[in-house]
Amino acid sequence: LAERNLPGSLIVDGTGRRYVNEAAPYVDAVHAMLGPPS
């Protein structure tokens, strides 16, 4: 819940690149995670 919003963290996929606002509402963050593309 809070872990993604706090400074000093980021989320990447298997390419090593970010793909989402990490602090987005949790449903939206997983929508981005699932894609498409995954």
All heavy atoms as atom14 arrays in JSON, in Angstrom:
{
  "sequence": "LAERNLPGSLIVDGTGRRYVNEAAPYVDAVHAMLGPPS",
  "atom14_mask": [
    [1, 1, 1, 1, 1, 1, 1, 1, 0, 0, 0, 0, 0, 0],
    [1, 1, 1, 1, 1, 0, 0, 0, 0, 0, 0, 0, 0, 0],
    [1, 1, 1, 1, 1, 1, 1, 1, 1, 0, 0, 0, 0, 0],
    [1, 1, 1, 1, 1, 1, 1, 1, 1, 1, 1, 0, 0, 0],
    [1, 1, 1, 1, 1, 1, 1, 1, 0, 0, 0, 0, 0, 0],
    [1, 1, 1, 1, 1, 1, 1, 1, 0, 0, 0, 0, 0, 0],
    [1, 1, 1, 1, 1, 1, 1, 0, 0, 0, 0, 0, 0, 0],
    [1, 1, 1, 1, 0, 0, 0, 0, 0, 0, 0, 0, 0, 0],
    [1, 1, 1, 1, 1, 1, 0, 0, 0, 0, 0, 0, 0, 0],
    [1, 1, 1, 1, 1, 1, 1, 1, 0, 0, 0, 0, 0, 0],
    [1, 1, 1, 1, 1, 1, 1, 1, 0, 0, 0, 0, 0, 0],
    [1, 1, 1, 1, 1, 1, 1, 0, 0, 0, 0, 0, 0, 0],
    [1, 1, 1, 1, 1, 1, 1, 1, 0, 0, 0, 0, 0, 0],
    [1, 1, 1, 1, 0, 0, 0, 0, 0, 0, 0, 0, 0, 0],
    [1, 1, 1, 1, 1, 1, 1, 0, 0, 0, 0, 0, 0, 0],
    [1, 1, 1, 1, 0, 0, 0, 0, 0, 0, 0, 0, 0, 0],
    [1, 1, 1, 1, 1, 1, 1, 1, 1, 1, 1, 0, 0, 0],
    [1, 1, 1, 1, 1, 1, 1, 1, 1, 1, 1, 0, 0, 0],
    [1, 1, 1, 1, 1, 1, 1, 1, 1, 1, 1, 1, 0, 0],
    [1, 1, 1, 1, 1, 1, 1, 0, 0, 0, 0, 0, 0, 0],
    [1, 1, 1, 1, 1, 1, 1, 1, 0, 0, 0, 0, 0, 0],
    [1, 1, 1, 1, 1, 1, 1, 1, 1, 0, 0, 0, 0, 0],
    [1, 1, 1, 1, 1, 0, 0, 0, 0, 0, 0, 0, 0, 0],
    [1, 1, 1, 1, 1, 0, 0, 0, 0, 0, 0, 0, 0, 0],
    [1, 1, 1, 1, 1, 1, 1, 0, 0, 0, 0, 0, 0, 0],
    [1, 1, 1, 1, 1, 1, 1, 1, 1, 1, 1, 1, 0, 0],
    [1, 1, 1, 1, 1, 1, 1, 0, 0, 0, 0, 0, 0, 0],
    [1, 1, 1, 1, 1, 1, 1, 1, 0, 0, 0, 0, 0, 0],
    [1, 1, 1, 1, 1, 0, 0, 0, 0, 0, 0, 0, 0, 0],
    [1, 1, 1, 1, 1, 1, 1, 0, 0, 0, 0, 0, 0, 0],
    [1, 1, 1, 1, 1, 1, 1, 1, 1, 1, 0, 0, 0, 0],
    [1, 1, 1, 1, 1, 0, 0, 0, 0, 0, 0, 0, 0, 0],
    [1, 1, 1, 1, 1, 1, 1, 1, 0, 0, 0, 0, 0, 0],
    [1, 1, 1, 1, 1, 1, 1, 1, 0, 0, 0, 0, 0, 0],
    [1, 1, 1, 1, 0, 0, 0, 0, 0, 0, 0, 0, 0, 0],
    [1, 1, 1, 1, 1, 1, 1, 0, 0, 0, 0, 0, 0, 0],
    [1, 1, 1, 1, 1, 1, 1, 0, 0, 0, 0, 0, 0, 0],
    [1, 1, 1, 1, 1, 1, 0, 0, 0, 0, 0, 0, 0, 0]
  ],
  "atom14_positions": [
    [[0.83, -1.2, 0.0], [0.0, 0.0, 0.0], [0.87, 1.25, 0.0], [0.91, 1.99, -0.98], [-0.94, -0.02, 1.21], [-2.03, 1.04, 1.26], [-2.92, 0.95, 0.03], [-2.86, 0.88, 2.53], [0.0, 0.0, 0.0], [0.0, 0.0, 0.0], [0.0, 0.0, 0.0], [0.0, 0.0, 0.0], [0.0, 0.0, 0.0], [0.0, 0.0, 0.0]],
    [[1.6, 1.48, 1.09], [2.43, 2.68, 1.18], [3.8, 2.49, 0.54], [4.43, 3.47, 0.12], [2.6, 3.09, 2.64], [0.0, 0.0, 0.0], [0.0, 0.0, 0.0], [0.0, 0.0, 0.0], [0.0, 0.0, 0.0], [0.0, 0.0, 0.0], [0.0, 0.0, 0.0], [0.0, 0.0, 0.0], [0.0, 0.0, 0.0], [0.0, 0.0, 0.0]],
    [[4.27, 1.26, 0.46], [5.64, 1.01, 0.02], [5.96, 1.61, -1.35], [7.08, 2.06, -1.6], [5.91, -0.5, -0.02], [6.05, -1.15, 1.34], [4.72, -1.51, 1.98], [3.66, -1.19, 1.37], [4.73, -2.09, 3.07], [0.0, 0.0, 0.0], [0.0, 0.0, 0.0], [0.0, 0.0, 0.0], [0.0, 0.0, 0.0], [0.0, 0.0, 0.0]],
    [[4.98, 1.63, -2.25], [5.22, 2.1, -3.62], [5.25, 3.62, -3.72], [5.81, 4.17, -4.67], [4.13, 1.57, -4.56], [4.02, 0.07, -4.62], [2.8, -0.37, -5.41], [1.54, -0.02, -4.77], [0.69, 0.9, -5.21], [0.97, 1.59, -6.31], [-0.43, 1.15, -4.57], [0.0, 0.0, 0.0], [0.0, 0.0, 0.0], [0.0, 0.0, 0.0]],
    [[4.61, 4.3, -2.78], [4.52, 5.76, -2.84], [5.74, 6.44, -2.25], [6.05, 7.59, -2.59], [3.28, 6.24, -2.09], [1.98, 5.69, -2.63], [1.81, 4.48, -2.74], [1.04, 6.56, -2.95], [0.0, 0.0, 0.0], [0.0, 0.0, 0.0], [0.0, 0.0, 0.0], [0.0, 0.0, 0.0], [0.0, 0.0, 0.0], [0.0, 0.0, 0.0]],
    [[6.42, 5.76, -1.34], [7.51, 6.38, -0.6], [8.72, 6.65, -1.49], [9.03, 5.87, -2.4], [7.91, 5.49, 0.57], [6.85, 5.39, 1.68], [7.16, 4.25, 2.62], [6.76, 6.72, 2.44], [0.0, 0.0, 0.0], [0.0, 0.0, 0.0], [0.0, 0.0, 0.0], [0.0, 0.0, 0.0], [0.0, 0.0, 0.0], [0.0, 0.0, 0.0]],
    [[9.41, 7.76, -1.25], [10.56, 8.12, -2.08], [11.71, 7.13, -1.92], [11.88, 6.52, -0.88], [10.95, 9.51, -1.58], [10.39, 9.6, -0.2], [9.14, 8.77, -0.2], [0.0, 0.0, 0.0], [0.0, 0.0, 0.0], [0.0, 0.0, 0.0], [0.0, 0.0, 0.0], [0.0, 0.0, 0.0], [0.0, 0.0, 0.0], [0.0, 0.0, 0.0]],
    [[12.49, 7.0, -3.0], [13.62, 6.08, -2.98], [13.26, 4.69, -3.47], [13.99, 3.73, -3.19], [0.0, 0.0, 0.0], [0.0, 0.0, 0.0], [0.0, 0.0, 0.0], [0.0, 0.0, 0.0], [0.0, 0.0, 0.0], [0.0, 0.0, 0.0], [0.0, 0.0, 0.0], [0.0, 0.0, 0.0], [0.0, 0.0, 0.0], [0.0, 0.0, 0.0]],
    [[12.16, 4.58, -4.21], [11.75, 3.3, -4.76], [11.22, 3.52, -6.17], [10.71, 4.58, -6.5], [10.65, 2.66, -3.9], [9.47, 3.45, -3.95], [0.0, 0.0, 0.0], [0.0, 0.0, 0.0], [0.0, 0.0, 0.0], [0.0, 0.0, 0.0], [0.0, 0.0, 0.0], [0.0, 0.0, 0.0], [0.0, 0.0, 0.0], [0.0, 0.0, 0.0]],
    [[11.35, 2.49, -7.0], [10.78, 2.51, -8.34], [10.46, 1.09, -8.75], [10.94, 0.12, -8.14], [11.73, 3.18, -9.34], [13.13, 2.6, -9.51], [13.16, 1.51, -10.59], [14.12, 3.71, -9.88], [0.0, 0.0, 0.0], [0.0, 0.0, 0.0], [0.0, 0.0, 0.0], [0.0, 0.0, 0.0], [0.0, 0.0, 0.0], [0.0, 0.0, 0.0]],
    [[9.64, 0.93, -9.77], [9.24, -0.39, -10.26], [9.68, -0.54, -11.72], [9.48, 0.37, -12.53], [7.72, -0.58, -10.15], [7.29, -0.59, -8.68], [7.28, -1.88, -10.82], [5.79, -0.66, -8.47], [0.0, 0.0, 0.0], [0.0, 0.0, 0.0], [0.0, 0.0, 0.0], [0.0, 0.0, 0.0], [0.0, 0.0, 0.0], [0.0, 0.0, 0.0]],
    [[10.28, -1.69, -12.02], [10.68, -2.0, -13.4], [10.15, -3.38, -13.77], [9.81, -4.2, -12.91], [12.21, -1.98, -13.56], [12.78, -0.6, -13.24], [12.88, -3.05, -12.71], [0.0, 0.0, 0.0], [0.0, 0.0, 0.0], [0.0, 0.0, 0.0], [0.0, 0.0, 0.0], [0.0, 0.0, 0.0], [0.0, 0.0, 0.0], [0.0, 0.0, 0.0]],
    [[10.13, -3.62, -15.07], [9.78, -4.96, -15.56], [11.05, -5.69, -15.99], [12.17, -5.26, -15.65], [8.76, -4.88, -16.69], [9.26, -4.12, -17.92], [10.48, -3.84, -18.0], [8.44, -3.81, -18.8], [0.0, 0.0, 0.0], [0.0, 0.0, 0.0], [0.0, 0.0, 0.0], [0.0, 0.0, 0.0], [0.0, 0.0, 0.0], [0.0, 0.0, 0.0]],
    [[10.9, -6.75, -16.75], [12.05, -7.55, -17.14], [13.01, -6.87, -18.08], [14.13, -7.37, -18.3], [0.0, 0.0, 0.0], [0.0, 0.0, 0.0], [0.0, 0.0, 0.0], [0.0, 0.0, 0.0], [0.0, 0.0, 0.0], [0.0, 0.0, 0.0], [0.0, 0.0, 0.0], [0.0, 0.0, 0.0], [0.0, 0.0, 0.0], [0.0, 0.0, 0.0]],
    [[12.62, -5.71, -18.61], [13.53, -4.94, -19.47], [14.41, -4.0, -18.66], [15.31, -3.36, -19.22], [12.74, -4.11, -20.5], [12.02, -3.06, -19.82], [11.75, -4.98, -21.28], [0.0, 0.0, 0.0], [0.0, 0.0, 0.0], [0.0, 0.0, 0.0], [0.0, 0.0, 0.0], [0.0, 0.0, 0.0], [0.0, 0.0, 0.0], [0.0, 0.0, 0.0]],
    [[14.12, -3.88, -17.35], [14.85, -2.93, -16.52], [14.34, -1.51, -16.63], [14.99, -0.58, -16.15], [0.0, 0.0, 0.0], [0.0, 0.0, 0.0], [0.0, 0.0, 0.0], [0.0, 0.0, 0.0], [0.0, 0.0, 0.0], [0.0, 0.0, 0.0], [0.0, 0.0, 0.0], [0.0, 0.0, 0.0], [0.0, 0.0, 0.0], [0.0, 0.0, 0.0]],
    [[13.16, -1.34, -17.23], [12.59, 0.01, -17.42], [11.29, 0.16, -16.63], [10.56, -0.8, -16.42], [12.32, 0.27, -18.9], [13.57, 0.21, -19.78], [13.24, 0.61, -21.2], [14.41, 0.51, -22.08], [14.72, -0.53, -22.81], [13.93, -1.62, -22.77], [15.79, -0.54, -23.58], [0.0, 0.0, 0.0], [0.0, 0.0, 0.0], [0.0, 0.0, 0.0]],
    [[11.0, 1.38, -16.23], [9.73, 1.69, -15.58], [8.6, 1.62, -16.6], [8.81, 1.83, -17.8], [9.76, 3.1, -14.99], [10.76, 3.29, -13.86], [10.82, 4.77, -13.46], [9.6, 5.21, -12.78], [9.1, 6.44, -12.86], [9.68, 7.35, -13.63], [8.01, 6.77, -12.2], [0.0, 0.0, 0.0], [0.0, 0.0, 0.0], [0.0, 0.0, 0.0]],
    [[7.38, 1.34, -16.11], [6.23, 1.28, -17.01], [4.97, 1.9, -16.41], [3.91, 1.9, -17.03], [5.93, -0.17, -17.39], [5.62, -1.08, -16.22], [4.31, -1.2, -15.73], [6.62, -1.81, -15.6], [4.03, -2.02, -14.66], [6.35, -2.64, -14.52], [5.05, -2.74, -14.05], [4.78, -3.56, -12.98], [0.0, 0.0, 0.0], [0.0, 0.0, 0.0]],
    [[5.07, 2.47, -15.19], [3.88, 2.97, -14.5], [4.3, 3.98, -13.45], [5.44, 3.97, -12.97], [3.12, 1.79, -13.82], [3.91, 1.21, -12.66], [1.71, 2.19, -13.37], [0.0, 0.0, 0.0], [0.0, 0.0, 0.0], [0.0, 0.0, 0.0], [0.0, 0.0, 0.0], [0.0, 0.0, 0.0], [0.0, 0.0, 0.0], [0.0, 0.0, 0.0]],
    [[3.36, 4.86, -13.09], [3.51, 5.68, -11.9], [3.38, 4.75, -10.7], [2.3, 4.24, -10.41], [2.42, 6.76, -11.88], [2.3, 7.46, -10.53], [3.17, 7.35, -9.67], [1.2, 8.18, -10.34], [0.0, 0.0, 0.0], [0.0, 0.0, 0.0], [0.0, 0.0, 0.0], [0.0, 0.0, 0.0], [0.0, 0.0, 0.0], [0.0, 0.0, 0.0]],
    [[4.47, 4.52, -10.02], [4.48, 3.54, -8.93], [3.49, 3.87, -7.83], [3.01, 2.98, -7.12], [5.89, 3.44, -8.32], [6.95, 2.9, -9.24], [7.62, 3.96, -10.1], [7.12, 5.11, -10.15], [8.66, 3.64, -10.73], [0.0, 0.0, 0.0], [0.0, 0.0, 0.0], [0.0, 0.0, 0.0], [0.0, 0.0, 0.0], [0.0, 0.0, 0.0]],
    [[3.19, 5.15, -7.65], [2.29, 5.58, -6.57], [0.83, 5.62, -6.99], [-0.03, 6.08, -6.23], [2.72, 6.97, -6.08], [0.0, 0.0, 0.0], [0.0, 0.0, 0.0], [0.0, 0.0, 0.0], [0.0, 0.0, 0.0], [0.0, 0.0, 0.0], [0.0, 0.0, 0.0], [0.0, 0.0, 0.0], [0.0, 0.0, 0.0], [0.0, 0.0, 0.0]],
    [[0.52, 5.12, -8.17], [-0.86, 5.12, -8.66], [-1.74, 4.24, -7.78], [-1.25, 3.35, -7.07], [-0.89, 4.62, -10.1], [0.0, 0.0, 0.0], [0.0, 0.0, 0.0], [0.0, 0.0, 0.0], [0.0, 0.0, 0.0], [0.0, 0.0, 0.0], [0.0, 0.0, 0.0], [0.0, 0.0, 0.0], [0.0, 0.0, 0.0], [0.0, 0.0, 0.0]],
    [[-3.06, 4.46, -7.8], [-3.96, 3.55, -7.07], [-3.68, 2.1, -7.44], [-3.37, 1.79, -8.58], [-5.35, 4.0, -7.56], [-5.17, 5.44, -7.92], [-3.79, 5.53, -8.49], [0.0, 0.0, 0.0], [0.0, 0.0, 0.0], [0.0, 0.0, 0.0], [0.0, 0.0, 0.0], [0.0, 0.0, 0.0], [0.0, 0.0, 0.0], [0.0, 0.0, 0.0]],
    [[-3.8, 1.23, -6.45], [-3.29, -0.14, -6.63], [-3.97, -0.9, -7.76], [-3.32, -1.7, -8.44], [-3.34, -0.92, -5.31], [-4.45, -0.59, -4.35], [-5.66, -1.27, -4.38], [-4.27, 0.38, -3.38], [-6.66, -0.97, -3.47], [-5.26, 0.69, -2.47], [-6.47, 0.01, -2.52], [-7.46, 0.31, -1.63], [0.0, 0.0, 0.0], [0.0, 0.0, 0.0]],
    [[-5.26, -0.68, -7.98], [-5.93, -1.35, -9.11], [-5.31, -0.89, -10.42], [-5.03, -1.7, -11.32], [-7.44, -1.07, -9.09], [-8.08, -1.44, -10.42], [-8.11, -1.87, -7.97], [0.0, 0.0, 0.0], [0.0, 0.0, 0.0], [0.0, 0.0, 0.0], [0.0, 0.0, 0.0], [0.0, 0.0, 0.0], [0.0, 0.0, 0.0], [0.0, 0.0, 0.0]],
    [[-5.07, 0.42, -10.55], [-4.48, 0.94, -11.78], [-3.07, 0.41, -12.0], [-2.66, 0.14, -13.13], [-4.44, 2.48, -11.73], [-5.82, 3.1, -11.69], [-6.81, 2.36, -11.84], [-5.92, 4.32, -11.49], [0.0, 0.0, 0.0], [0.0, 0.0, 0.0], [0.0, 0.0, 0.0], [0.0, 0.0, 0.0], [0.0, 0.0, 0.0], [0.0, 0.0, 0.0]],
    [[-2.3, 0.28, -10.91], [-0.94, -0.22, -11.03], [-0.91, -1.64, -11.58], [-0.06, -1.98, -12.42], [-0.24, -0.16, -9.67], [0.0, 0.0, 0.0], [0.0, 0.0, 0.0], [0.0, 0.0, 0.0], [0.0, 0.0, 0.0], [0.0, 0.0, 0.0], [0.0, 0.0, 0.0], [0.0, 0.0, 0.0], [0.0, 0.0, 0.0], [0.0, 0.0, 0.0]],
    [[-1.84, -2.48, -11.14], [-1.86, -3.85, -11.67], [-2.45, -3.9, -13.06], [-2.04, -4.73, -13.88], [-2.6, -4.79, -10.7], [-2.82, -6.17, -11.33], [-1.81, -4.94, -9.41], [0.0, 0.0, 0.0], [0.0, 0.0, 0.0], [0.0, 0.0, 0.0], [0.0, 0.0, 0.0], [0.0, 0.0, 0.0], [0.0, 0.0, 0.0], [0.0, 0.0, 0.0]],
    [[-3.4, -3.03, -13.37], [-3.85, -2.96, -14.76], [-2.67, -2.71, -15.69], [-2.55, -3.32, -16.76], [-4.9, -1.85, -14.93], [-6.26, -2.23, -14.46], [-7.24, -1.31, -14.19], [-6.83, -3.44, -14.21], [-8.34, -1.91, -13.8], [-8.11, -3.22, -13.81], [0.0, 0.0, 0.0], [0.0, 0.0, 0.0], [0.0, 0.0, 0.0], [0.0, 0.0, 0.0]],
    [[-1.79, -1.8, -15.28], [-0.59, -1.54, -16.08], [0.33, -2.75, -16.09], [0.92, -3.09, -17.13], [0.15, -0.31, -15.53], [0.0, 0.0, 0.0], [0.0, 0.0, 0.0], [0.0, 0.0, 0.0], [0.0, 0.0, 0.0], [0.0, 0.0, 0.0], [0.0, 0.0, 0.0], [0.0, 0.0, 0.0], [0.0, 0.0, 0.0], [0.0, 0.0, 0.0]],
    [[0.47, -3.42, -14.96], [1.33, -4.59, -14.86], [0.87, -5.71, -15.8], [1.67, -6.35, -16.49], [1.35, -5.08, -13.41], [2.27, -6.26, -13.15], [2.11, -6.87, -11.42], [2.9, -5.53, -10.52], [0.0, 0.0, 0.0], [0.0, 0.0, 0.0], [0.0, 0.0, 0.0], [0.0, 0.0, 0.0], [0.0, 0.0, 0.0], [0.0, 0.0, 0.0]],
    [[-0.45, -5.94, -15.84], [-0.99, -7.02, -16.64], [-1.04, -6.68, -18.12], [-1.05, -7.57, -18.97], [-2.4, -7.39, -16.14], [-2.46, -8.01, -14.74], [-3.91, -8.2, -14.31], [-1.73, -9.34, -14.72], [0.0, 0.0, 0.0], [0.0, 0.0, 0.0], [0.0, 0.0, 0.0], [0.0, 0.0, 0.0], [0.0, 0.0, 0.0], [0.0, 0.0, 0.0]],
    [[-1.1, -5.38, -18.43], [-1.09, -4.97, -19.83], [-2.42, -5.18, -20.53], [-3.46, -5.23, -19.88], [0.0, 0.0, 0.0], [0.0, 0.0, 0.0], [0.0, 0.0, 0.0], [0.0, 0.0, 0.0], [0.0, 0.0, 0.0], [0.0, 0.0, 0.0], [0.0, 0.0, 0.0], [0.0, 0.0, 0.0], [0.0, 0.0, 0.0], [0.0, 0.0, 0.0]],
    [[-2.4, -5.34, -21.86], [-1.19, -5.61, -22.65], [-0.39, -4.33, -22.93], [-0.99, -3.27, -22.99], [-1.78, -6.2, -23.94], [-3.16, -5.62, -24.05], [-3.64, -5.41, -22.65], [0.0, 0.0, 0.0], [0.0, 0.0, 0.0], [0.0, 0.0, 0.0], [0.0, 0.0, 0.0], [0.0, 0.0, 0.0], [0.0, 0.0, 0.0], [0.0, 0.0, 0.0]],
    [[0.93, -4.52, -23.13], [1.68, -5.78, -22.97], [1.91, -6.08, -21.5], [1.89, -5.2, -20.65], [2.99, -5.48, -23.68], [3.2, -4.01, -23.45], [1.83, -3.39, -23.52], [0.0, 0.0, 0.0], [0.0, 0.0, 0.0], [0.0, 0.0, 0.0], [0.0, 0.0, 0.0], [0.0, 0.0, 0.0], [0.0, 0.0, 0.0], [0.0, 0.0, 0.0]],
    [[2.16, -7.37, -21.22], [2.45, -7.77, -19.85], [3.8, -7.21, -19.4], [4.75, -7.16, -20.18], [2.48, -9.29, -19.75], [2.95, -9.7, -18.49], [0.0, 0.0, 0.0], [0.0, 0.0, 0.0], [0.0, 0.0, 0.0], [0.0, 0.0, 0.0], [0.0, 0.0, 0.0], [0.0, 0.0, 0.0], [0.0, 0.0, 0.0], [0.0, 0.0, 0.0]]
  ]
}
